[in-house]
Amino acid sequence: MTSKPSPAENAVSVAASLLFLAGIFHNALKLPDFVGTLFILAGGVGMWIWIRMQGIRRRESANAPDAVPKPAVGVVMKRRLIIIGVYAIACAASPFWMQYTGVNLPFSETVIIAVITFIICVSMTLVAGRRQQ
């Protein structure tokens, strides 16, 4: 049984993710190269802090009597299908919006990238789901 993440943990996670995205797309944001590197490094520090916060929360909630119970198998399967559906929609749309992020590739190559990304995301979701059981 695990407890829910705290608002601070969620805020650190979102901030680290936004820093990574800003670092990756710094050219599209018209920022110099060194700023992209700084954003990536700051995102890495934020991700490290988030992982530490998760570890502390899990250690504290391991023996807590009021911890949130694990959801039923049917609920977990529905969630996985929703996540895979979101991946499918995002990957199907990516060849159309990828050109606005500064990627200048032919449409056929962006479709190949989208398919590979979908396969990787689904694989990671299934592996992570099996590790949690």
Foldseek 3Di string as FASTA:
>chain_A
DAADDDPVLVVLLVQLVVLQVCLVLVVLVVHDNVSSVVSPVVSVVSVVVSVVSRVVRRVVCVPDPPGDDDDDPVVVVVVLVVVLVVLVVCLVCCLVCVVSSVDDDDSVVSNVVSVVSSVVVNVVSVVVVVVVD
